[in-house]
C-alpha cells in the first residue's frame, strides 16, 4: 500500500503572518500594506525573523511506514497523534514495499524458513521477499496475541506482540506543523540526501499546501 497524505485543515495565511509581524507597530491592514506583504515575508525569512511564521498552521492525515514515522517524530511540530498498537490490536495489516526493491533480483536461492520452498534466484525480486515476509510477520503478530493474552493479560499481550511488526508496517497519524517548523521539515526531508519515502511525503505535503493558495508568498520566501 502506498503512503498517502491528506491535507485536512489550514489555519491562517500570508496576511495573518504579516499582521503578526506588524503587531510591534500597527496591525491595521491598509491596501498599501497588503501590497507590501510579499516583500515583508521575504525580508522576515531572509533575515531570520521567523517567529511570525508560527502563527500559520497546516494539518495533515497521513498513512505512512514506521521508518518514515520515526523521521517525522524528530521534527518540532505543533502536535501528532498516531495509531498505536499498544492500545489496540491492529486489525488492518497495512505494509509498504519500496518500489525499487522490485527492481533488484535475487542472485542466489533464498530460504526464509529452512523447510519451505525457496525464493529462486533470477525469478523473484527482493520486493517479493519483503512482501511475503510482511504477510508472515503480520500473521505471527495476531497469533502471538492469543497466547500472550492467556498468560500475560490483554494489555501486555498487545505491547509485546508489536515486536513482530516491522519497519514497513503502516500506521495512520494526525499531525500539524506551524509554518516555521514546516519550513524546517521541508528543508531536511526534501533534500536529495533524505530517504526516498520521506522525500515523497514531504513533496506531497508541499503540493497540497501550495494548492490552497493561502501561503503563496510564504512559500516563495522559502524558495518554493
N, C-alpha and C. Protein backbone atom coordinates (compact mmCIF):
# COMPACT_ATOMS: atom_id res chain seq x y z
N UNK A 1 0.85 -1.19 0.00
CA UNK A 1 0.00 0.00 0.00
C UNK A 1 0.89 1.24 0.00
N UNK A 2 0.59 2.19 -0.86
CA UNK A 2 1.38 3.42 -0.92
C UNK A 2 1.15 4.29 0.31
N UNK A 3 2.18 5.05 0.70
CA UNK A 3 2.00 6.07 1.72
C UNK A 3 1.10 7.16 1.14
N UNK A 4 0.19 7.69 1.95
CA UNK A 4 -0.74 8.72 1.47
C UNK A 4 -0.72 9.93 2.39
N UNK A 5 -1.01 11.09 1.80
CA UNK A 5 -1.05 12.35 2.55
C UNK A 5 -2.34 13.08 2.20
N UNK A 6 -3.06 13.52 3.22
CA UNK A 6 -4.28 14.32 3.02
C UNK A 6 -4.16 15.60 3.86
N UNK A 7 -4.41 16.73 3.26
CA UNK A 7 -4.45 17.99 3.99
C UNK A 7 -5.87 18.18 4.52
N UNK A 8 -6.04 18.17 5.84
CA UNK A 8 -7.39 18.22 6.39
C UNK A 8 -7.71 19.56 7.06
N UNK A 9 -6.72 20.45 7.14
CA UNK A 9 -7.00 21.74 7.74
C UNK A 9 -5.86 22.73 7.57
N UNK A 10 -6.22 24.01 7.50
CA UNK A 10 -5.25 25.09 7.40
C UNK A 10 -5.73 26.22 8.30
N UNK A 11 -4.84 26.76 9.10
CA UNK A 11 -5.17 27.96 9.87
C UNK A 11 -4.25 29.09 9.44
N UNK A 12 -4.84 30.22 9.12
CA UNK A 12 -4.06 31.38 8.76
C UNK A 12 -3.68 31.43 7.30
N UNK A 13 -2.90 32.46 6.95
CA UNK A 13 -2.46 32.68 5.59
C UNK A 13 -1.33 33.71 5.60
N UNK A 14 -0.89 34.14 4.42
CA UNK A 14 0.17 35.14 4.34
C UNK A 14 -0.19 36.41 5.13
N UNK A 15 -1.45 36.80 5.03
CA UNK A 15 -1.90 38.04 5.68
C UNK A 15 -1.79 37.94 7.19
N UNK A 16 -2.16 36.79 7.75
CA UNK A 16 -2.10 36.60 9.19
C UNK A 16 -0.65 36.68 9.68
N UNK A 17 0.26 36.06 8.94
CA UNK A 17 1.68 36.08 9.32
C UNK A 17 2.20 37.52 9.27
N UNK A 18 1.83 38.25 8.24
CA UNK A 18 2.26 39.64 8.11
C UNK A 18 1.72 40.48 9.27
N UNK A 19 0.45 40.30 9.61
CA UNK A 19 -0.14 41.05 10.71
C UNK A 19 0.55 40.74 12.03
N UNK A 20 0.96 39.49 12.22
CA UNK A 20 1.70 39.13 13.44
C UNK A 20 3.00 39.92 13.52
N UNK A 21 3.69 40.04 12.38
CA UNK A 21 4.93 40.80 12.35
C UNK A 21 4.69 42.29 12.59
N UNK A 22 3.57 42.81 12.12
CA UNK A 22 3.25 44.24 12.26
C UNK A 22 2.69 44.60 13.64
N UNK A 23 2.48 43.60 14.48
CA UNK A 23 1.92 43.87 15.81
C UNK A 23 2.79 44.86 16.59
N UNK A 24 4.10 44.81 16.37
CA UNK A 24 5.01 45.70 17.11
C UNK A 24 4.83 47.16 16.72
N UNK A 25 4.16 47.42 15.61
CA UNK A 25 3.90 48.81 15.18
C UNK A 25 2.40 49.05 15.09
N UNK A 26 1.77 48.52 14.07
CA UNK A 26 0.32 48.66 13.92
C UNK A 26 -0.22 47.53 13.07
N UNK A 27 -1.24 46.84 13.57
CA UNK A 27 -1.84 45.73 12.83
C UNK A 27 -2.87 46.19 11.81
N UNK A 28 -3.15 47.46 11.77
CA UNK A 28 -4.14 47.96 10.82
C UNK A 28 -3.70 47.62 9.40
N UNK A 29 -4.56 46.91 8.68
CA UNK A 29 -4.19 46.39 7.37
C UNK A 29 -4.79 47.27 6.27
N UNK A 30 -4.01 48.20 5.79
CA UNK A 30 -4.45 49.08 4.72
C UNK A 30 -4.15 48.44 3.37
N UNK A 31 -4.72 48.99 2.32
CA UNK A 31 -4.45 48.49 0.97
C UNK A 31 -2.96 48.59 0.64
N UNK A 32 -2.34 49.67 1.11
CA UNK A 32 -0.91 49.88 0.85
C UNK A 32 -0.08 48.79 1.53
N UNK A 33 -0.47 48.42 2.74
CA UNK A 33 0.28 47.38 3.47
C UNK A 33 0.06 46.00 2.85
N UNK A 34 -1.15 45.75 2.34
CA UNK A 34 -1.41 44.47 1.68
C UNK A 34 -0.46 44.27 0.50
N UNK A 35 -0.19 45.34 -0.24
CA UNK A 35 0.72 45.25 -1.38
C UNK A 35 2.13 44.90 -0.93
N UNK A 36 2.48 45.29 0.30
CA UNK A 36 3.82 45.07 0.80
C UNK A 36 4.04 43.69 1.41
N UNK A 37 2.97 42.88 1.51
CA UNK A 37 3.09 41.57 2.19
C UNK A 37 4.15 40.67 1.56
N UNK A 38 4.21 40.48 0.26
CA UNK A 38 5.25 39.61 -0.30
C UNK A 38 6.66 40.06 0.07
N UNK A 39 6.90 41.35 -0.02
CA UNK A 39 8.22 41.88 0.31
C UNK A 39 8.54 41.69 1.79
N UNK A 40 7.53 41.91 2.65
CA UNK A 40 7.73 41.76 4.08
C UNK A 40 8.08 40.32 4.44
N UNK A 41 7.31 39.37 3.92
CA UNK A 41 7.55 37.96 4.25
C UNK A 41 8.93 37.51 3.79
N UNK A 42 9.31 37.95 2.62
CA UNK A 42 10.64 37.61 2.10
C UNK A 42 11.73 38.18 3.01
N UNK A 43 11.55 39.42 3.44
CA UNK A 43 12.53 40.09 4.30
C UNK A 43 12.61 39.41 5.67
N UNK A 44 11.46 39.08 6.23
CA UNK A 44 11.43 38.41 7.52
C UNK A 44 12.22 37.10 7.49
N UNK A 45 11.93 36.30 6.46
CA UNK A 45 12.58 34.98 6.38
C UNK A 45 14.08 35.12 6.08
N UNK A 46 14.41 36.01 5.20
CA UNK A 46 15.81 36.22 4.80
C UNK A 46 16.67 36.63 5.98
N UNK A 47 16.11 37.45 6.88
CA UNK A 47 16.89 37.98 8.00
C UNK A 47 16.65 37.21 9.31
N UNK A 48 16.00 36.05 9.22
CA UNK A 48 15.86 35.19 10.39
C UNK A 48 14.81 35.60 11.40
N UNK A 49 13.89 36.46 11.01
CA UNK A 49 12.79 36.85 11.90
C UNK A 49 11.63 35.87 11.66
N UNK A 50 11.73 34.69 12.25
CA UNK A 50 10.86 33.57 11.88
C UNK A 50 9.64 33.39 12.77
N UNK A 51 9.61 34.04 13.93
CA UNK A 51 8.51 33.83 14.87
C UNK A 51 7.12 34.08 14.27
N UNK A 52 6.91 35.15 13.46
CA UNK A 52 5.57 35.36 12.89
C UNK A 52 5.06 34.18 12.08
N UNK A 53 5.96 33.38 11.51
CA UNK A 53 5.52 32.25 10.69
C UNK A 53 4.89 31.14 11.53
N UNK A 54 5.10 31.18 12.84
CA UNK A 54 4.50 30.18 13.71
C UNK A 54 2.99 30.36 13.83
N UNK A 55 2.48 31.49 13.39
CA UNK A 55 1.04 31.75 13.52
C UNK A 55 0.22 31.00 12.47
N UNK A 56 0.84 30.58 11.38
CA UNK A 56 0.15 29.77 10.38
C UNK A 56 0.33 28.29 10.69
N UNK A 57 -0.71 27.49 10.46
CA UNK A 57 -0.68 26.05 10.80
C UNK A 57 -1.26 25.24 9.65
N UNK A 58 -0.61 24.12 9.34
CA UNK A 58 -1.13 23.16 8.35
C UNK A 58 -1.32 21.81 9.04
N UNK A 59 -2.39 21.13 8.70
CA UNK A 59 -2.85 19.94 9.42
C UNK A 59 -3.06 18.79 8.43
N UNK A 60 -2.40 17.67 8.68
CA UNK A 60 -2.40 16.54 7.74
C UNK A 60 -2.89 15.25 8.39
N UNK A 61 -3.42 14.35 7.55
CA UNK A 61 -3.70 12.97 7.92
C UNK A 61 -2.84 12.11 6.99
N UNK A 62 -2.00 11.27 7.59
CA UNK A 62 -1.01 10.54 6.78
C UNK A 62 -1.05 9.05 7.11
N UNK A 63 -0.99 8.21 6.08
CA UNK A 63 -0.72 6.79 6.22
C UNK A 63 0.72 6.58 5.80
N UNK A 64 1.56 6.12 6.73
CA UNK A 64 2.99 6.05 6.43
C UNK A 64 3.63 4.86 7.14
N UNK A 65 4.75 4.42 6.57
CA UNK A 65 5.51 3.33 7.17
C UNK A 65 6.19 3.81 8.45
N UNK A 66 6.52 2.86 9.33
CA UNK A 66 7.11 3.19 10.62
C UNK A 66 8.44 3.93 10.47
N UNK A 67 9.24 3.56 9.48
CA UNK A 67 10.53 4.21 9.27
C UNK A 67 10.34 5.71 9.00
N UNK A 68 9.36 6.04 8.17
CA UNK A 68 9.07 7.46 7.89
C UNK A 68 8.44 8.14 9.10
N UNK A 69 7.63 7.40 9.85
CA UNK A 69 7.01 7.94 11.05
C UNK A 69 8.08 8.41 12.05
N UNK A 70 9.11 7.61 12.21
CA UNK A 70 10.19 7.95 13.14
C UNK A 70 10.89 9.23 12.70
N UNK A 71 11.11 9.38 11.40
CA UNK A 71 11.76 10.58 10.91
C UNK A 71 10.92 11.83 11.16
N UNK A 72 9.61 11.71 11.01
CA UNK A 72 8.73 12.85 11.26
C UNK A 72 8.74 13.22 12.75
N UNK A 73 8.82 12.21 13.62
CA UNK A 73 8.83 12.47 15.06
C UNK A 73 10.02 13.31 15.50
N UNK A 74 11.07 13.31 14.71
CA UNK A 74 12.28 14.05 15.08
C UNK A 74 12.12 15.55 14.89
N UNK A 75 11.03 15.98 14.26
CA UNK A 75 10.83 17.40 13.98
C UNK A 75 9.91 18.04 15.01
N UNK A 76 10.14 19.31 15.26
CA UNK A 76 9.30 20.06 16.19
C UNK A 76 8.00 20.41 15.49
N UNK A 77 6.91 19.79 15.95
CA UNK A 77 5.60 20.01 15.34
C UNK A 77 4.66 20.59 16.38
N UNK A 78 3.52 21.07 15.92
CA UNK A 78 2.52 21.54 16.86
C UNK A 78 1.96 20.36 17.64
N UNK A 79 1.67 19.27 16.96
CA UNK A 79 1.15 18.08 17.64
C UNK A 79 1.09 16.90 16.68
N UNK A 80 1.06 15.70 17.26
CA UNK A 80 0.83 14.50 16.47
C UNK A 80 0.16 13.44 17.33
N UNK A 81 -0.86 12.82 16.79
CA UNK A 81 -1.47 11.63 17.37
C UNK A 81 -1.41 10.54 16.32
N UNK A 82 -0.94 9.36 16.73
CA UNK A 82 -0.77 8.27 15.76
C UNK A 82 -1.44 7.00 16.24
N UNK A 83 -1.84 6.20 15.28
CA UNK A 83 -2.40 4.88 15.56
C UNK A 83 -1.39 4.08 16.39
N UNK A 84 -1.86 3.43 17.45
CA UNK A 84 -0.96 2.76 18.37
C UNK A 84 -1.32 1.30 18.55
N UNK A 85 -0.32 0.43 18.34
CA UNK A 85 -0.52 -1.00 18.57
C UNK A 85 -0.44 -1.34 20.04
N UNK A 86 -0.09 -0.36 20.87
CA UNK A 86 -0.07 -0.61 22.31
C UNK A 86 -1.48 -0.61 22.89
N UNK A 87 -2.33 0.24 22.33
CA UNK A 87 -3.68 0.40 22.87
C UNK A 87 -4.72 -0.48 22.20
N UNK A 88 -4.39 -1.00 21.04
CA UNK A 88 -5.35 -1.87 20.36
C UNK A 88 -4.61 -2.89 19.51
N UNK A 89 -5.28 -3.98 19.20
CA UNK A 89 -4.74 -4.92 18.21
C UNK A 89 -5.07 -4.36 16.84
N UNK A 90 -4.05 -4.09 16.04
CA UNK A 90 -4.27 -3.53 14.72
C UNK A 90 -4.81 -4.61 13.79
N UNK A 91 -6.04 -4.43 13.36
CA UNK A 91 -6.71 -5.44 12.54
C UNK A 91 -6.32 -5.37 11.08
N UNK A 92 -6.09 -4.15 10.58
CA UNK A 92 -5.75 -3.98 9.16
C UNK A 92 -4.23 -4.04 9.01
N UNK A 93 -3.74 -5.08 8.37
CA UNK A 93 -2.29 -5.28 8.24
C UNK A 93 -1.76 -4.54 7.02
N UNK A 94 -1.54 -3.24 7.19
CA UNK A 94 -1.02 -2.41 6.10
C UNK A 94 0.50 -2.47 6.13
N UNK A 95 1.08 -2.57 4.96
CA UNK A 95 2.55 -2.51 4.90
C UNK A 95 2.97 -1.88 3.59
N UNK A 96 4.18 -1.34 3.61
CA UNK A 96 4.72 -0.59 2.47
C UNK A 96 5.91 -1.35 1.90
N UNK A 97 5.95 -1.49 0.56
CA UNK A 97 7.08 -2.11 -0.12
C UNK A 97 7.73 -1.07 -1.04
N UNK A 98 8.98 -0.68 -0.78
CA UNK A 98 9.64 0.28 -1.68
C UNK A 98 9.66 -0.23 -3.12
N UNK A 99 9.29 0.63 -4.05
CA UNK A 99 9.19 0.22 -5.46
C UNK A 99 10.51 -0.30 -6.01
N UNK A 100 11.62 0.30 -5.57
CA UNK A 100 12.90 -0.10 -6.15
C UNK A 100 13.32 -1.51 -5.74
N UNK A 101 12.70 -2.07 -4.67
CA UNK A 101 13.03 -3.44 -4.29
C UNK A 101 12.57 -4.44 -5.36
N UNK A 102 11.52 -4.07 -6.10
CA UNK A 102 11.03 -4.96 -7.15
C UNK A 102 11.95 -4.95 -8.38
N UNK A 103 12.92 -4.08 -8.37
CA UNK A 103 13.87 -3.98 -9.49
C UNK A 103 15.18 -4.69 -9.19
N UNK A 104 15.31 -5.23 -7.99
CA UNK A 104 16.55 -5.92 -7.59
C UNK A 104 16.25 -7.40 -7.44
N UNK A 105 16.87 -8.21 -8.31
CA UNK A 105 16.60 -9.65 -8.36
C UNK A 105 17.56 -10.43 -7.47
N UNK A 106 17.06 -11.54 -6.93
CA UNK A 106 17.90 -12.40 -6.11
C UNK A 106 19.04 -12.98 -6.93
N UNK A 107 20.21 -13.01 -6.36
CA UNK A 107 21.38 -13.58 -7.04
C UNK A 107 21.69 -14.99 -6.54
N UNK A 108 20.93 -15.44 -5.55
CA UNK A 108 21.05 -16.83 -5.10
C UNK A 108 19.73 -17.25 -4.47
N UNK A 109 19.49 -18.54 -4.43
CA UNK A 109 18.25 -19.03 -3.83
C UNK A 109 18.19 -18.64 -2.36
N UNK A 110 16.98 -18.31 -1.90
CA UNK A 110 16.82 -17.82 -0.53
C UNK A 110 15.72 -18.59 0.18
N UNK A 111 16.05 -19.13 1.35
CA UNK A 111 15.07 -19.77 2.22
C UNK A 111 14.81 -18.85 3.41
N UNK A 112 13.57 -18.38 3.54
CA UNK A 112 13.24 -17.62 4.75
C UNK A 112 13.08 -18.59 5.92
N UNK A 113 12.42 -19.71 5.65
CA UNK A 113 12.32 -20.78 6.62
C UNK A 113 12.90 -22.04 5.98
N UNK A 114 13.73 -22.74 6.70
CA UNK A 114 14.55 -23.81 6.13
C UNK A 114 13.74 -24.91 5.45
N UNK A 115 12.55 -25.22 5.96
CA UNK A 115 11.79 -26.35 5.44
C UNK A 115 10.76 -25.94 4.39
N UNK A 116 10.83 -24.69 3.90
CA UNK A 116 9.86 -24.25 2.91
C UNK A 116 10.53 -24.03 1.55
N UNK A 117 9.70 -23.91 0.52
CA UNK A 117 10.17 -23.68 -0.84
C UNK A 117 10.93 -22.35 -0.90
N UNK A 118 12.08 -22.33 -1.56
CA UNK A 118 12.88 -21.10 -1.57
C UNK A 118 12.39 -20.09 -2.60
N UNK A 119 12.78 -18.85 -2.38
CA UNK A 119 12.71 -17.85 -3.44
C UNK A 119 13.88 -18.16 -4.37
N UNK A 120 13.65 -18.19 -5.65
CA UNK A 120 14.70 -18.62 -6.57
C UNK A 120 15.40 -17.44 -7.23
N UNK A 121 16.69 -17.57 -7.40
CA UNK A 121 17.49 -16.50 -7.98
C UNK A 121 17.06 -16.25 -9.43
N UNK A 122 17.07 -14.99 -9.82
CA UNK A 122 16.76 -14.62 -11.20
C UNK A 122 15.28 -14.57 -11.52
N UNK A 123 14.43 -15.18 -10.68
CA UNK A 123 13.00 -15.23 -10.97
C UNK A 123 12.17 -14.35 -10.03
N UNK A 124 12.74 -13.98 -8.90
CA UNK A 124 12.00 -13.20 -7.93
C UNK A 124 12.86 -12.06 -7.40
N UNK A 125 12.20 -11.00 -6.99
CA UNK A 125 12.90 -9.81 -6.53
C UNK A 125 12.87 -9.73 -5.00
N UNK A 126 13.67 -8.81 -4.48
CA UNK A 126 13.66 -8.58 -3.04
C UNK A 126 12.35 -7.94 -2.60
N UNK A 127 11.63 -7.29 -3.53
CA UNK A 127 10.31 -6.78 -3.21
C UNK A 127 9.34 -7.91 -2.90
N UNK A 128 9.43 -9.00 -3.68
CA UNK A 128 8.58 -10.16 -3.42
C UNK A 128 8.93 -10.82 -2.09
N UNK A 129 10.21 -10.85 -1.75
CA UNK A 129 10.64 -11.42 -0.48
C UNK A 129 10.06 -10.62 0.68
N UNK A 130 10.19 -9.29 0.63
CA UNK A 130 9.69 -8.45 1.71
C UNK A 130 8.18 -8.53 1.82
N UNK A 131 7.52 -8.64 0.67
CA UNK A 131 6.05 -8.75 0.66
C UNK A 131 5.60 -10.00 1.39
N UNK A 132 6.21 -11.14 1.07
CA UNK A 132 5.81 -12.40 1.70
C UNK A 132 6.19 -12.40 3.18
N UNK A 133 7.36 -11.83 3.49
CA UNK A 133 7.79 -11.79 4.88
C UNK A 133 6.87 -10.91 5.70
N UNK A 134 6.36 -9.82 5.10
CA UNK A 134 5.44 -8.92 5.79
C UNK A 134 4.14 -9.64 6.13
N UNK A 135 3.64 -10.44 5.18
CA UNK A 135 2.43 -11.21 5.42
C UNK A 135 2.65 -12.19 6.58
N UNK A 136 3.82 -12.82 6.58
CA UNK A 136 4.11 -13.81 7.62
C UNK A 136 4.25 -13.17 9.00
N UNK A 137 4.96 -12.05 9.10
CA UNK A 137 5.13 -11.42 10.40
C UNK A 137 3.82 -10.85 10.94
N UNK A 138 2.95 -10.39 10.05
CA UNK A 138 1.63 -9.94 10.48
C UNK A 138 0.81 -11.11 11.02
N UNK A 139 0.96 -12.27 10.37
CA UNK A 139 0.25 -13.47 10.85
C UNK A 139 0.74 -13.85 12.25
N UNK A 140 2.06 -13.77 12.45
CA UNK A 140 2.63 -14.10 13.76
C UNK A 140 2.19 -13.09 14.82
N UNK A 141 2.05 -11.84 14.41
CA UNK A 141 1.59 -10.80 15.33
C UNK A 141 0.23 -11.17 15.92
N UNK A 142 -0.71 -11.55 15.06
CA UNK A 142 -2.06 -11.88 15.53
C UNK A 142 -2.07 -13.19 16.32
N UNK A 143 -1.30 -14.18 15.86
CA UNK A 143 -1.25 -15.46 16.57
C UNK A 143 -0.66 -15.30 17.97
N UNK A 144 0.39 -14.50 18.07
CA UNK A 144 1.07 -14.36 19.36
C UNK A 144 0.18 -13.68 20.39
N UNK A 145 -0.66 -12.75 19.95
CA UNK A 145 -1.54 -12.04 20.90
C UNK A 145 -2.43 -13.03 21.65
N UNK A 146 -2.92 -14.03 20.96
CA UNK A 146 -3.82 -15.00 21.60
C UNK A 146 -3.13 -15.71 22.75
N UNK A 147 -1.92 -16.24 22.52
CA UNK A 147 -1.21 -16.98 23.56
C UNK A 147 -0.68 -16.04 24.65
N UNK A 148 -0.19 -14.88 24.24
CA UNK A 148 0.33 -13.93 25.22
C UNK A 148 -0.76 -13.45 26.16
N UNK A 149 -1.96 -13.24 25.62
CA UNK A 149 -3.07 -12.76 26.43
C UNK A 149 -3.44 -13.75 27.52
N UNK A 150 -3.38 -15.03 27.18
CA UNK A 150 -3.75 -16.07 28.15
C UNK A 150 -2.83 -16.06 29.37
N UNK A 151 -1.56 -15.74 29.15
CA UNK A 151 -0.60 -15.81 30.26
C UNK A 151 -0.21 -14.45 30.82
N UNK A 152 -0.25 -13.40 29.99
CA UNK A 152 0.25 -12.09 30.42
C UNK A 152 -0.84 -11.03 30.56
N UNK A 153 -2.02 -11.35 30.08
CA UNK A 153 -3.10 -10.35 30.10
C UNK A 153 -3.15 -9.57 28.81
N UNK A 154 -4.31 -8.97 28.54
CA UNK A 154 -4.55 -8.31 27.26
C UNK A 154 -3.61 -7.12 27.04
N UNK A 155 -3.39 -6.30 28.07
CA UNK A 155 -2.57 -5.11 27.92
C UNK A 155 -1.14 -5.47 27.52
N UNK A 156 -0.52 -6.35 28.28
CA UNK A 156 0.87 -6.73 27.99
C UNK A 156 0.96 -7.50 26.68
N UNK A 157 -0.06 -8.27 26.33
CA UNK A 157 -0.05 -9.02 25.07
C UNK A 157 0.07 -8.08 23.88
N UNK A 158 -0.71 -7.00 23.90
CA UNK A 158 -0.65 -6.04 22.78
C UNK A 158 0.70 -5.34 22.72
N UNK A 159 1.24 -5.00 23.89
CA UNK A 159 2.55 -4.33 23.92
C UNK A 159 3.64 -5.23 23.35
N UNK A 160 3.64 -6.48 23.75
CA UNK A 160 4.72 -7.40 23.37
C UNK A 160 4.59 -7.86 21.92
N UNK A 161 3.38 -8.11 21.48
CA UNK A 161 3.16 -8.60 20.11
C UNK A 161 3.63 -7.59 19.07
N UNK A 162 3.70 -6.31 19.43
CA UNK A 162 4.17 -5.28 18.48
C UNK A 162 5.54 -5.59 17.90
N UNK A 163 6.35 -6.35 18.62
CA UNK A 163 7.70 -6.62 18.14
C UNK A 163 7.73 -7.49 16.89
N UNK A 164 6.60 -8.09 16.54
CA UNK A 164 6.51 -8.82 15.28
C UNK A 164 6.24 -7.88 14.11
N UNK A 165 5.82 -6.66 14.40
CA UNK A 165 5.59 -5.67 13.35
C UNK A 165 6.93 -5.12 12.87
N UNK A 166 7.05 -4.87 11.57
CA UNK A 166 8.32 -4.42 11.02
C UNK A 166 8.31 -2.94 10.68
N UNK A 167 9.46 -2.44 10.28
CA UNK A 167 9.60 -1.03 9.94
C UNK A 167 8.72 -0.62 8.77
N UNK A 168 8.32 -1.58 7.93
CA UNK A 168 7.49 -1.23 6.79
C UNK A 168 5.99 -1.29 7.10
N UNK A 169 5.63 -1.63 8.34
CA UNK A 169 4.23 -1.60 8.74
C UNK A 169 3.74 -0.16 8.68
N UNK A 170 2.52 0.04 8.24
CA UNK A 170 1.98 1.39 8.09
C UNK A 170 1.00 1.71 9.21
N UNK A 171 1.06 2.95 9.67
CA UNK A 171 0.10 3.45 10.65
C UNK A 171 -0.45 4.78 10.16
N UNK A 172 -1.58 5.16 10.70
CA UNK A 172 -2.18 6.45 10.35
C UNK A 172 -1.86 7.45 11.46
N UNK A 173 -1.51 8.66 11.07
CA UNK A 173 -1.25 9.70 12.07
C UNK A 173 -1.87 11.02 11.65
N UNK A 174 -2.24 11.78 12.67
CA UNK A 174 -2.84 13.10 12.54
C UNK A 174 -1.81 14.08 13.07
N UNK A 175 -1.25 14.92 12.21
CA UNK A 175 -0.20 15.81 12.67
C UNK A 175 -0.33 17.20 12.07
N UNK A 176 0.18 18.16 12.80
CA UNK A 176 0.15 19.54 12.33
C UNK A 176 1.50 20.20 12.56
N UNK A 177 1.83 21.11 11.66
CA UNK A 177 3.05 21.92 11.77
C UNK A 177 2.65 23.39 11.82
N UNK A 178 3.33 24.19 12.65
CA UNK A 178 3.25 25.62 12.37
C UNK A 178 4.18 25.87 11.18
N UNK A 179 4.02 26.97 10.51
CA UNK A 179 4.73 27.17 9.26
C UNK A 179 6.25 27.31 9.44
N UNK A 180 6.68 27.69 10.60
CA UNK A 180 8.12 27.75 10.86
C UNK A 180 8.71 26.34 10.91
N UNK A 181 8.07 25.45 11.64
CA UNK A 181 8.57 24.08 11.72
C UNK A 181 8.34 23.33 10.41
N UNK A 182 7.28 23.70 9.67
CA UNK A 182 7.03 23.07 8.37
C UNK A 182 8.16 23.40 7.40
N UNK A 183 8.66 24.63 7.46
CA UNK A 183 9.79 25.02 6.60
C UNK A 183 11.02 24.18 6.92
N UNK A 184 11.28 23.95 8.20
CA UNK A 184 12.42 23.14 8.61
C UNK A 184 12.27 21.70 8.13
N UNK A 185 11.04 21.18 8.25
CA UNK A 185 10.76 19.82 7.79
C UNK A 185 11.02 19.69 6.28
N UNK A 186 10.51 20.63 5.50
CA UNK A 186 10.70 20.57 4.05
C UNK A 186 12.17 20.68 3.68
N UNK A 187 12.90 21.54 4.34
CA UNK A 187 14.31 21.72 4.04
C UNK A 187 15.09 20.42 4.23
N UNK A 188 14.81 19.72 5.32
CA UNK A 188 15.56 18.50 5.62
C UNK A 188 15.06 17.30 4.84
N UNK A 189 13.75 17.18 4.66
CA UNK A 189 13.19 15.95 4.10
C UNK A 189 12.92 16.00 2.60
N UNK A 190 13.06 17.19 1.99
CA UNK A 190 13.03 17.26 0.53
C UNK A 190 14.44 17.27 -0.05
N UNK A 191 15.42 17.18 0.82
CA UNK A 191 16.81 17.13 0.38
C UNK A 191 17.08 15.85 -0.40
N UNK A 192 17.98 15.93 -1.35
CA UNK A 192 18.37 14.74 -2.12
C UNK A 192 19.03 13.69 -1.24
N UNK A 193 19.45 14.09 -0.04
CA UNK A 193 20.11 13.15 0.87
C UNK A 193 19.11 12.43 1.78
N UNK A 194 17.85 12.87 1.76
CA UNK A 194 16.84 12.24 2.61
C UNK A 194 16.39 10.92 2.00
N UNK A 195 15.82 10.07 2.83
CA UNK A 195 15.29 8.79 2.37
C UNK A 195 14.16 9.03 1.36
N UNK A 196 14.09 8.20 0.34
CA UNK A 196 13.13 8.39 -0.75
C UNK A 196 11.71 8.51 -0.23
N UNK A 197 11.31 7.64 0.71
CA UNK A 197 9.93 7.63 1.19
C UNK A 197 9.55 8.94 1.88
N UNK A 198 10.45 9.47 2.70
CA UNK A 198 10.12 10.71 3.40
C UNK A 198 10.17 11.90 2.43
N UNK A 199 11.02 11.82 1.40
CA UNK A 199 11.01 12.84 0.35
C UNK A 199 9.64 12.91 -0.31
N UNK A 200 9.09 11.74 -0.64
CA UNK A 200 7.80 11.68 -1.32
C UNK A 200 6.69 12.27 -0.45
N UNK A 201 6.73 11.98 0.85
CA UNK A 201 5.73 12.52 1.77
C UNK A 201 5.84 14.03 1.85
N UNK A 202 7.07 14.53 1.96
CA UNK A 202 7.29 15.99 2.06
C UNK A 202 6.82 16.70 0.79
N UNK A 203 7.10 16.12 -0.36
CA UNK A 203 6.70 16.73 -1.64
C UNK A 203 5.17 16.78 -1.74
N UNK A 204 4.50 15.71 -1.32
CA UNK A 204 3.03 15.70 -1.34
C UNK A 204 2.46 16.77 -0.41
N UNK A 205 3.07 16.91 0.76
CA UNK A 205 2.62 17.94 1.70
C UNK A 205 2.74 19.33 1.09
N UNK A 206 3.90 19.62 0.51
CA UNK A 206 4.13 20.92 -0.09
C UNK A 206 3.14 21.19 -1.21
N UNK A 207 2.90 20.21 -2.06
CA UNK A 207 1.97 20.38 -3.18
C UNK A 207 0.56 20.71 -2.68
N UNK A 208 0.13 20.01 -1.62
CA UNK A 208 -1.22 20.23 -1.09
C UNK A 208 -1.36 21.62 -0.49
N UNK A 209 -0.34 22.07 0.24
CA UNK A 209 -0.37 23.41 0.82
C UNK A 209 -0.35 24.47 -0.28
N UNK A 210 0.48 24.24 -1.30
CA UNK A 210 0.57 25.20 -2.42
C UNK A 210 -0.78 25.34 -3.11
N UNK A 211 -1.52 24.24 -3.25
CA UNK A 211 -2.80 24.27 -3.95
C UNK A 211 -3.85 25.13 -3.23
N UNK A 212 -3.71 25.32 -1.92
CA UNK A 212 -4.68 26.15 -1.20
C UNK A 212 -4.53 27.62 -1.56
N UNK A 213 -3.34 28.05 -1.96
CA UNK A 213 -3.07 29.44 -2.28
C UNK A 213 -2.96 30.36 -1.08
N UNK A 214 -3.12 29.81 0.13
CA UNK A 214 -3.13 30.64 1.33
C UNK A 214 -1.74 31.10 1.76
N UNK A 215 -0.73 30.33 1.41
CA UNK A 215 0.63 30.68 1.82
C UNK A 215 1.54 30.88 0.61
N UNK A 216 0.98 31.43 -0.45
CA UNK A 216 1.72 31.62 -1.69
C UNK A 216 3.04 32.39 -1.48
N UNK A 217 2.97 33.51 -0.79
CA UNK A 217 4.15 34.36 -0.64
C UNK A 217 5.09 33.83 0.45
N UNK A 218 4.52 33.11 1.41
CA UNK A 218 5.37 32.44 2.41
C UNK A 218 6.24 31.39 1.73
N UNK A 219 5.64 30.59 0.88
CA UNK A 219 6.38 29.55 0.18
C UNK A 219 7.44 30.15 -0.75
N UNK A 220 7.09 31.24 -1.39
CA UNK A 220 8.07 31.91 -2.27
C UNK A 220 9.23 32.46 -1.45
N UNK A 221 8.94 32.95 -0.24
CA UNK A 221 10.03 33.45 0.62
C UNK A 221 10.97 32.32 1.01
N UNK A 222 10.43 31.11 1.10
CA UNK A 222 11.25 29.94 1.43
C UNK A 222 12.01 29.39 0.22
N UNK A 223 11.63 29.88 -0.97
CA UNK A 223 12.27 29.38 -2.19
C UNK A 223 11.50 28.28 -2.90
N UNK A 224 10.20 28.12 -2.57
CA UNK A 224 9.37 27.09 -3.19
C UNK A 224 8.30 27.72 -4.09
